[in-house]
């Protein structure tokens, strides 16, 4: 594995553990040249999944795009990178469980918002404000009322 610090090819694994509910292996590595420590993930290679964008273009599913959006939503919130990565893993699992070769980008956004609504209201509103492109304060206030209504619903 190439060191992200010095680009040396050799590294050794100093710790391995299951991640993403057993769907990946998280490995801590140390560069043999400079001693820099970094984390890698080993995942099962999945069948390619295409995302259909709003304009009709198709591109391969990229979990890092979802992760970037979630990182922005959780900025200055008390959630670790691992917790955020778990959210992405749950969203990806929902998508793959459908068994489709293509999925609309809007569906992915809804899955993300469902997960965020269960975890953190602030992150949910931040993500929704970008994803739904709130045009005015009334649309924003309606979304706030919707999340309040969800909290008032009894647990099943």
N, C-alpha and C. Protein backbone atom coordinates (compact mmCIF):
# COMPACT_ATOMS: atom_id res chain seq x y z
N UNK A 1 0.86 -1.17 0.00
CA UNK A 1 0.00 0.00 0.00
C UNK A 1 0.90 1.23 0.00
N UNK A 2 0.62 2.16 -0.86
CA UNK A 2 1.42 3.38 -1.01
C UNK A 2 1.13 4.36 0.14
N UNK A 3 2.19 4.85 0.77
CA UNK A 3 2.06 5.78 1.89
C UNK A 3 1.53 7.13 1.39
N UNK A 4 0.47 7.68 2.00
CA UNK A 4 -0.05 8.98 1.58
C UNK A 4 0.88 10.14 1.94
N UNK A 5 1.86 9.88 2.81
CA UNK A 5 2.77 10.94 3.24
C UNK A 5 4.03 11.01 2.36
N UNK A 6 4.71 9.86 2.19
CA UNK A 6 5.99 9.87 1.47
C UNK A 6 5.95 9.09 0.16
N UNK A 7 4.84 8.45 -0.16
CA UNK A 7 4.63 7.66 -1.38
C UNK A 7 5.45 6.37 -1.46
N UNK A 8 6.04 5.97 -0.35
CA UNK A 8 6.76 4.70 -0.30
C UNK A 8 5.76 3.57 -0.47
N UNK A 9 6.13 2.51 -1.17
CA UNK A 9 5.21 1.42 -1.46
C UNK A 9 4.98 0.50 -0.25
N UNK A 10 5.97 0.30 0.60
CA UNK A 10 5.83 -0.66 1.68
C UNK A 10 5.17 -0.11 2.93
N UNK A 11 4.23 -0.89 3.48
CA UNK A 11 3.62 -0.55 4.76
C UNK A 11 3.28 -1.87 5.44
N UNK A 12 3.13 -1.80 6.76
CA UNK A 12 2.75 -3.01 7.47
C UNK A 12 1.45 -2.74 8.21
N UNK A 13 0.64 -3.78 8.35
CA UNK A 13 -0.64 -3.70 9.04
C UNK A 13 -0.37 -3.83 10.54
N UNK A 14 -0.84 -2.85 11.32
CA UNK A 14 -0.64 -2.91 12.77
C UNK A 14 -1.93 -3.25 13.51
N UNK A 15 -3.09 -3.16 12.82
CA UNK A 15 -4.36 -3.52 13.44
C UNK A 15 -5.39 -3.77 12.34
N UNK A 16 -6.20 -4.79 12.49
CA UNK A 16 -7.31 -5.09 11.58
C UNK A 16 -8.55 -5.38 12.41
N UNK A 17 -9.68 -4.89 11.93
CA UNK A 17 -10.94 -5.20 12.60
C UNK A 17 -12.09 -5.05 11.62
N UNK A 18 -13.16 -5.80 11.85
CA UNK A 18 -14.34 -5.67 10.98
C UNK A 18 -14.94 -4.27 11.09
N UNK A 19 -15.55 -3.83 10.01
CA UNK A 19 -16.18 -2.52 9.97
C UNK A 19 -17.46 -2.65 9.15
N UNK A 20 -18.32 -1.67 9.24
CA UNK A 20 -19.57 -1.63 8.46
C UNK A 20 -20.35 -2.93 8.58
N UNK A 21 -20.55 -3.35 9.82
CA UNK A 21 -21.34 -4.54 10.10
C UNK A 21 -20.82 -5.76 9.35
N UNK A 22 -19.48 -5.88 9.29
CA UNK A 22 -18.85 -7.02 8.67
C UNK A 22 -18.70 -6.94 7.16
N UNK A 23 -19.10 -5.82 6.57
CA UNK A 23 -19.01 -5.67 5.12
C UNK A 23 -17.66 -5.12 4.67
N UNK A 24 -16.80 -4.76 5.61
CA UNK A 24 -15.48 -4.23 5.28
C UNK A 24 -14.52 -4.58 6.40
N UNK A 25 -13.24 -4.44 6.09
CA UNK A 25 -12.20 -4.61 7.09
C UNK A 25 -11.43 -3.31 7.18
N UNK A 26 -11.33 -2.77 8.38
CA UNK A 26 -10.59 -1.54 8.63
C UNK A 26 -9.19 -1.95 9.06
N UNK A 27 -8.18 -1.39 8.38
CA UNK A 27 -6.80 -1.72 8.71
C UNK A 27 -6.01 -0.46 9.04
N UNK A 28 -5.31 -0.49 10.16
CA UNK A 28 -4.36 0.58 10.50
C UNK A 28 -3.02 0.12 9.97
N UNK A 29 -2.36 0.99 9.23
CA UNK A 29 -1.07 0.66 8.62
C UNK A 29 -0.01 1.66 9.05
N UNK A 30 1.23 1.21 8.96
CA UNK A 30 2.37 2.08 9.26
C UNK A 30 3.37 1.96 8.12
N UNK A 31 3.78 3.11 7.60
CA UNK A 31 4.75 3.15 6.51
C UNK A 31 6.10 2.62 7.01
N UNK A 32 6.71 1.72 6.24
CA UNK A 32 8.01 1.17 6.61
C UNK A 32 9.13 2.19 6.44
N UNK A 33 8.88 3.23 5.65
CA UNK A 33 9.91 4.23 5.39
C UNK A 33 9.88 5.39 6.40
N UNK A 34 8.71 6.05 6.55
CA UNK A 34 8.65 7.26 7.38
C UNK A 34 7.91 7.05 8.70
N UNK A 35 7.24 5.92 8.88
CA UNK A 35 6.53 5.65 10.12
C UNK A 35 5.14 6.27 10.21
N UNK A 36 4.68 6.94 9.14
CA UNK A 36 3.36 7.56 9.12
C UNK A 36 2.28 6.48 9.25
N UNK A 37 1.27 6.74 10.06
CA UNK A 37 0.17 5.78 10.25
C UNK A 37 -1.07 6.28 9.51
N UNK A 38 -1.73 5.34 8.85
CA UNK A 38 -2.93 5.68 8.10
C UNK A 38 -3.90 4.50 8.12
N UNK A 39 -5.15 4.77 7.74
CA UNK A 39 -6.21 3.77 7.77
C UNK A 39 -6.63 3.44 6.34
N UNK A 40 -6.84 2.15 6.09
CA UNK A 40 -7.39 1.70 4.81
C UNK A 40 -8.60 0.83 5.09
N UNK A 41 -9.47 0.71 4.09
CA UNK A 41 -10.64 -0.15 4.20
C UNK A 41 -10.62 -1.13 3.02
N UNK A 42 -10.91 -2.37 3.32
CA UNK A 42 -11.04 -3.40 2.30
C UNK A 42 -12.51 -3.76 2.25
N UNK A 43 -13.11 -3.67 1.04
CA UNK A 43 -14.53 -3.93 0.87
C UNK A 43 -14.75 -4.97 -0.21
N UNK A 44 -15.88 -5.63 -0.14
CA UNK A 44 -16.29 -6.56 -1.18
C UNK A 44 -16.60 -5.76 -2.43
N UNK A 45 -16.10 -6.24 -3.57
CA UNK A 45 -16.40 -5.55 -4.82
C UNK A 45 -17.83 -5.87 -5.23
N UNK A 46 -18.62 -4.83 -5.38
CA UNK A 46 -20.04 -4.98 -5.69
C UNK A 46 -20.28 -4.83 -7.19
N UNK A 47 -21.43 -5.31 -7.64
CA UNK A 47 -21.85 -5.10 -9.01
C UNK A 47 -22.01 -3.60 -9.23
N UNK A 48 -21.56 -3.09 -10.37
CA UNK A 48 -21.69 -1.64 -10.60
C UNK A 48 -23.14 -1.18 -10.50
N UNK A 49 -23.33 -0.06 -9.84
CA UNK A 49 -24.64 0.53 -9.67
C UNK A 49 -24.59 1.91 -10.31
N UNK A 50 -25.55 2.19 -11.20
CA UNK A 50 -25.58 3.48 -11.86
C UNK A 50 -26.59 4.40 -11.19
N UNK A 51 -26.19 5.66 -11.06
CA UNK A 51 -27.06 6.69 -10.49
C UNK A 51 -27.56 7.54 -11.65
N UNK A 52 -28.88 7.70 -11.73
CA UNK A 52 -29.48 8.53 -12.78
C UNK A 52 -29.68 9.92 -12.19
N UNK A 53 -28.95 10.88 -12.74
CA UNK A 53 -29.01 12.25 -12.25
C UNK A 53 -30.30 12.94 -12.73
N UNK A 54 -30.58 14.11 -12.17
CA UNK A 54 -31.80 14.85 -12.54
C UNK A 54 -31.85 15.17 -14.03
N UNK A 55 -30.68 15.42 -14.64
CA UNK A 55 -30.66 15.77 -16.06
C UNK A 55 -30.65 14.55 -16.97
N UNK A 56 -30.72 13.33 -16.39
CA UNK A 56 -30.76 12.11 -17.18
C UNK A 56 -29.41 11.43 -17.36
N UNK A 57 -28.33 12.12 -17.03
CA UNK A 57 -27.01 11.51 -17.13
C UNK A 57 -26.90 10.37 -16.14
N UNK A 58 -26.06 9.41 -16.49
CA UNK A 58 -25.81 8.27 -15.60
C UNK A 58 -24.35 8.25 -15.22
N UNK A 59 -24.10 7.96 -13.95
CA UNK A 59 -22.73 7.82 -13.49
C UNK A 59 -22.68 6.71 -12.45
N UNK A 60 -21.50 6.15 -12.27
CA UNK A 60 -21.36 5.06 -11.31
C UNK A 60 -21.55 5.57 -9.89
N UNK A 61 -22.20 4.75 -9.07
CA UNK A 61 -22.42 5.10 -7.66
C UNK A 61 -21.08 5.33 -6.99
N UNK A 62 -21.00 6.42 -6.21
CA UNK A 62 -19.76 6.79 -5.52
C UNK A 62 -20.12 7.18 -4.09
N UNK A 63 -19.84 6.27 -3.15
CA UNK A 63 -20.19 6.52 -1.75
C UNK A 63 -19.47 7.74 -1.19
N UNK A 64 -18.32 8.11 -1.76
CA UNK A 64 -17.59 9.27 -1.24
C UNK A 64 -18.37 10.57 -1.47
N UNK A 65 -19.22 10.62 -2.49
CA UNK A 65 -20.05 11.82 -2.71
C UNK A 65 -21.07 11.99 -1.58
N UNK A 66 -21.67 10.88 -1.18
CA UNK A 66 -22.62 10.93 -0.07
C UNK A 66 -21.89 11.32 1.20
N UNK A 67 -20.72 10.73 1.40
CA UNK A 67 -19.94 11.01 2.61
C UNK A 67 -19.55 12.48 2.70
N UNK A 68 -19.20 13.09 1.57
CA UNK A 68 -18.86 14.53 1.58
C UNK A 68 -20.05 15.37 2.02
N UNK A 69 -21.23 15.05 1.50
CA UNK A 69 -22.44 15.78 1.89
C UNK A 69 -22.76 15.60 3.37
N UNK A 70 -22.57 14.39 3.86
CA UNK A 70 -22.84 14.11 5.27
C UNK A 70 -21.81 14.82 6.15
N UNK A 71 -20.55 14.83 5.73
CA UNK A 71 -19.53 15.55 6.50
C UNK A 71 -19.91 17.03 6.64
N UNK A 72 -20.39 17.63 5.56
CA UNK A 72 -20.80 19.04 5.62
C UNK A 72 -21.98 19.22 6.57
N UNK A 73 -22.92 18.31 6.52
CA UNK A 73 -24.11 18.40 7.38
C UNK A 73 -23.74 18.25 8.85
N UNK A 74 -22.72 17.46 9.15
CA UNK A 74 -22.32 17.21 10.53
C UNK A 74 -21.21 18.14 11.02
N UNK A 75 -20.85 19.13 10.21
CA UNK A 75 -19.77 20.04 10.61
C UNK A 75 -20.09 20.67 11.97
N UNK A 76 -19.13 20.59 12.88
CA UNK A 76 -19.23 21.12 14.25
C UNK A 76 -20.33 20.43 15.06
N UNK A 77 -20.68 19.20 14.69
CA UNK A 77 -21.63 18.39 15.44
C UNK A 77 -20.84 17.29 16.14
N UNK A 78 -21.34 16.75 17.23
CA UNK A 78 -20.59 15.76 18.01
C UNK A 78 -20.69 14.33 17.47
N UNK A 79 -20.33 14.13 16.21
CA UNK A 79 -20.38 12.81 15.59
C UNK A 79 -19.05 12.51 14.93
N UNK A 80 -18.52 11.33 15.20
CA UNK A 80 -17.22 10.95 14.67
C UNK A 80 -17.32 10.60 13.18
N UNK A 81 -16.16 10.56 12.55
CA UNK A 81 -16.09 10.17 11.14
C UNK A 81 -16.61 8.74 10.97
N UNK A 82 -16.35 7.88 11.95
CA UNK A 82 -16.83 6.50 11.87
C UNK A 82 -18.35 6.44 11.91
N UNK A 83 -18.96 7.26 12.76
CA UNK A 83 -20.42 7.29 12.84
C UNK A 83 -21.02 7.79 11.52
N UNK A 84 -20.37 8.78 10.92
CA UNK A 84 -20.84 9.29 9.64
C UNK A 84 -20.67 8.24 8.55
N UNK A 85 -19.56 7.51 8.58
CA UNK A 85 -19.32 6.45 7.61
C UNK A 85 -20.36 5.34 7.75
N UNK A 86 -20.78 5.05 8.98
CA UNK A 86 -21.81 4.04 9.21
C UNK A 86 -23.14 4.45 8.58
N UNK A 87 -23.45 5.75 8.61
CA UNK A 87 -24.67 6.24 7.98
C UNK A 87 -24.60 5.98 6.48
N UNK A 88 -23.47 6.29 5.87
CA UNK A 88 -23.30 6.05 4.44
C UNK A 88 -23.43 4.56 4.13
N UNK A 89 -22.87 3.73 4.99
CA UNK A 89 -22.96 2.28 4.78
C UNK A 89 -24.41 1.79 4.84
N UNK A 90 -25.18 2.35 5.77
CA UNK A 90 -26.59 1.96 5.86
C UNK A 90 -27.36 2.40 4.61
N UNK A 91 -27.06 3.60 4.12
CA UNK A 91 -27.71 4.09 2.90
C UNK A 91 -27.33 3.19 1.72
N UNK A 92 -26.04 2.89 1.60
CA UNK A 92 -25.60 2.03 0.50
C UNK A 92 -26.24 0.65 0.59
N UNK A 93 -26.36 0.10 1.80
CA UNK A 93 -26.97 -1.21 1.98
C UNK A 93 -28.45 -1.18 1.54
N UNK A 94 -29.16 -0.11 1.88
CA UNK A 94 -30.56 0.01 1.45
C UNK A 94 -30.66 0.01 -0.07
N UNK A 95 -29.76 0.76 -0.70
CA UNK A 95 -29.77 0.87 -2.16
C UNK A 95 -29.49 -0.50 -2.78
N UNK A 96 -28.46 -1.17 -2.29
CA UNK A 96 -28.07 -2.46 -2.87
C UNK A 96 -29.10 -3.54 -2.57
N UNK A 97 -29.79 -3.43 -1.43
CA UNK A 97 -30.83 -4.41 -1.09
C UNK A 97 -31.99 -4.39 -2.08
N UNK A 98 -32.18 -3.26 -2.76
CA UNK A 98 -33.25 -3.17 -3.75
C UNK A 98 -32.94 -4.03 -4.97
N UNK A 99 -31.65 -4.34 -5.18
CA UNK A 99 -31.25 -5.21 -6.28
C UNK A 99 -31.35 -4.58 -7.66
N UNK A 100 -31.41 -3.27 -7.71
CA UNK A 100 -31.51 -2.58 -9.00
C UNK A 100 -30.12 -2.29 -9.57
N UNK A 101 -30.05 -2.13 -10.88
CA UNK A 101 -28.79 -1.73 -11.53
C UNK A 101 -28.69 -0.21 -11.63
N UNK A 102 -29.86 0.46 -11.56
CA UNK A 102 -29.91 1.92 -11.64
C UNK A 102 -30.82 2.44 -10.55
N UNK A 103 -30.48 3.64 -10.05
CA UNK A 103 -31.32 4.30 -9.04
C UNK A 103 -31.29 5.80 -9.29
N UNK A 104 -32.40 6.44 -9.04
CA UNK A 104 -32.49 7.89 -9.21
C UNK A 104 -31.74 8.59 -8.09
N UNK A 105 -31.04 9.67 -8.41
CA UNK A 105 -30.29 10.40 -7.38
C UNK A 105 -31.23 10.93 -6.30
N UNK A 106 -32.48 11.26 -6.67
CA UNK A 106 -33.44 11.75 -5.69
C UNK A 106 -33.73 10.69 -4.62
N UNK A 107 -33.79 9.42 -5.03
CA UNK A 107 -34.04 8.35 -4.06
C UNK A 107 -32.90 8.24 -3.06
N UNK A 108 -31.68 8.40 -3.55
CA UNK A 108 -30.52 8.34 -2.65
C UNK A 108 -30.60 9.47 -1.64
N UNK A 109 -30.94 10.68 -2.11
CA UNK A 109 -31.07 11.82 -1.21
C UNK A 109 -32.13 11.58 -0.15
N UNK A 110 -33.24 10.95 -0.53
CA UNK A 110 -34.30 10.65 0.45
C UNK A 110 -33.81 9.64 1.48
N UNK A 111 -33.05 8.63 1.04
CA UNK A 111 -32.50 7.65 1.99
C UNK A 111 -31.57 8.34 2.98
N UNK A 112 -30.74 9.25 2.48
CA UNK A 112 -29.82 9.98 3.36
C UNK A 112 -30.61 10.80 4.37
N UNK A 113 -31.64 11.51 3.90
CA UNK A 113 -32.42 12.34 4.80
C UNK A 113 -33.15 11.49 5.84
N UNK A 114 -33.63 10.31 5.45
CA UNK A 114 -34.28 9.41 6.42
C UNK A 114 -33.30 9.04 7.53
N UNK A 115 -32.07 8.70 7.16
CA UNK A 115 -31.05 8.33 8.15
C UNK A 115 -30.71 9.52 9.06
N UNK A 116 -30.52 10.69 8.45
CA UNK A 116 -30.15 11.88 9.24
C UNK A 116 -31.26 12.29 10.19
N UNK A 117 -32.51 12.14 9.76
CA UNK A 117 -33.64 12.51 10.62
C UNK A 117 -33.67 11.66 11.88
N UNK A 118 -33.18 10.42 11.79
CA UNK A 118 -33.16 9.53 12.94
C UNK A 118 -31.98 9.80 13.86
N UNK A 119 -30.95 10.46 13.33
CA UNK A 119 -29.70 10.62 14.08
C UNK A 119 -29.53 12.01 14.68
N UNK A 120 -29.74 13.06 13.86
CA UNK A 120 -29.46 14.43 14.32
C UNK A 120 -30.29 15.44 13.53
N UNK A 121 -31.13 16.20 14.25
CA UNK A 121 -32.01 17.17 13.60
C UNK A 121 -31.24 18.27 12.86
N UNK A 122 -30.17 18.74 13.45
CA UNK A 122 -29.40 19.83 12.83
C UNK A 122 -28.77 19.36 11.53
N UNK A 123 -28.16 18.19 11.55
CA UNK A 123 -27.55 17.64 10.32
C UNK A 123 -28.63 17.41 9.26
N UNK A 124 -29.79 16.94 9.70
CA UNK A 124 -30.90 16.72 8.78
C UNK A 124 -31.29 18.02 8.08
N UNK A 125 -31.50 19.07 8.86
CA UNK A 125 -31.91 20.37 8.29
C UNK A 125 -30.83 20.93 7.36
N UNK A 126 -29.57 20.81 7.77
CA UNK A 126 -28.48 21.29 6.92
C UNK A 126 -28.48 20.56 5.58
N UNK A 127 -28.59 19.23 5.64
CA UNK A 127 -28.58 18.45 4.40
C UNK A 127 -29.80 18.78 3.56
N UNK A 128 -30.97 18.82 4.20
CA UNK A 128 -32.21 19.10 3.48
C UNK A 128 -32.19 20.48 2.83
N UNK A 129 -31.58 21.46 3.50
CA UNK A 129 -31.57 22.81 2.93
C UNK A 129 -30.78 22.87 1.63
N UNK A 130 -29.75 22.06 1.51
CA UNK A 130 -28.97 22.00 0.26
C UNK A 130 -29.67 21.09 -0.73
N UNK A 131 -30.06 19.91 -0.27
CA UNK A 131 -30.65 18.91 -1.15
C UNK A 131 -31.98 19.38 -1.75
N UNK A 132 -32.82 19.96 -0.92
CA UNK A 132 -34.14 20.40 -1.40
C UNK A 132 -34.11 21.83 -1.93
N UNK A 133 -32.99 22.49 -1.82
CA UNK A 133 -32.80 23.85 -2.33
C UNK A 133 -33.95 24.77 -1.90
N UNK A 134 -34.06 24.95 -0.60
CA UNK A 134 -35.12 25.80 -0.05
C UNK A 134 -35.10 27.17 -0.74
N UNK A 135 -36.24 27.55 -1.29
CA UNK A 135 -36.33 28.79 -2.04
C UNK A 135 -36.69 29.99 -1.16
N UNK A 136 -37.38 29.72 -0.04
CA UNK A 136 -37.75 30.83 0.85
C UNK A 136 -37.93 30.30 2.27
N UNK A 137 -38.17 31.19 3.18
CA UNK A 137 -38.27 30.84 4.60
C UNK A 137 -39.48 29.94 4.88
N UNK A 138 -40.55 30.09 4.11
CA UNK A 138 -41.74 29.27 4.34
C UNK A 138 -41.46 27.79 4.08
N UNK A 139 -40.73 27.50 3.02
CA UNK A 139 -40.37 26.11 2.73
C UNK A 139 -39.49 25.56 3.85
N UNK A 140 -38.57 26.37 4.33
CA UNK A 140 -37.70 25.97 5.44
C UNK A 140 -38.53 25.70 6.69
N UNK A 141 -39.46 26.59 7.00
CA UNK A 141 -40.29 26.43 8.19
C UNK A 141 -41.18 25.18 8.08
N UNK A 142 -41.66 24.89 6.89
CA UNK A 142 -42.48 23.68 6.70
C UNK A 142 -41.64 22.43 6.99
N UNK A 143 -40.39 22.43 6.56
CA UNK A 143 -39.51 21.29 6.84
C UNK A 143 -39.26 21.17 8.34
N UNK A 144 -39.12 22.31 9.03
CA UNK A 144 -38.95 22.28 10.49
C UNK A 144 -40.20 21.69 11.16
N UNK A 145 -41.39 22.07 10.67
CA UNK A 145 -42.62 21.51 11.23
C UNK A 145 -42.69 20.01 10.98
N UNK A 146 -42.27 19.57 9.80
CA UNK A 146 -42.29 18.14 9.47
C UNK A 146 -41.40 17.35 10.42
N UNK A 147 -40.23 17.86 10.71
CA UNK A 147 -39.34 17.13 11.62
C UNK A 147 -39.89 17.15 13.03
N UNK A 148 -40.56 18.22 13.41
CA UNK A 148 -41.21 18.27 14.72
C UNK A 148 -42.34 17.25 14.82
N UNK A 149 -43.10 17.10 13.73
CA UNK A 149 -44.18 16.12 13.69
C UNK A 149 -43.64 14.70 13.81
N UNK A 150 -42.51 14.42 13.18
CA UNK A 150 -41.90 13.10 13.27
C UNK A 150 -41.49 12.78 14.69
N UNK A 151 -41.01 13.78 15.42
CA UNK A 151 -40.59 13.57 16.80
C UNK A 151 -41.79 13.31 17.71
N UNK A 152 -42.94 13.87 17.36
CA UNK A 152 -44.13 13.70 18.17
C UNK A 152 -44.81 12.35 17.96
N UNK A 153 -44.49 11.67 16.83
CA UNK A 153 -45.10 10.37 16.54
C UNK A 153 -44.60 9.34 17.54
N UNK A 154 -45.50 8.47 18.00
CA UNK A 154 -45.07 7.41 18.93
C UNK A 154 -44.20 6.39 18.21
N UNK A 155 -43.24 5.80 18.97
CA UNK A 155 -42.37 4.76 18.43
C UNK A 155 -43.17 3.50 18.20
N UNK A 156 -42.83 2.75 17.13
CA UNK A 156 -43.53 1.50 16.85
C UNK A 156 -42.86 0.34 17.52
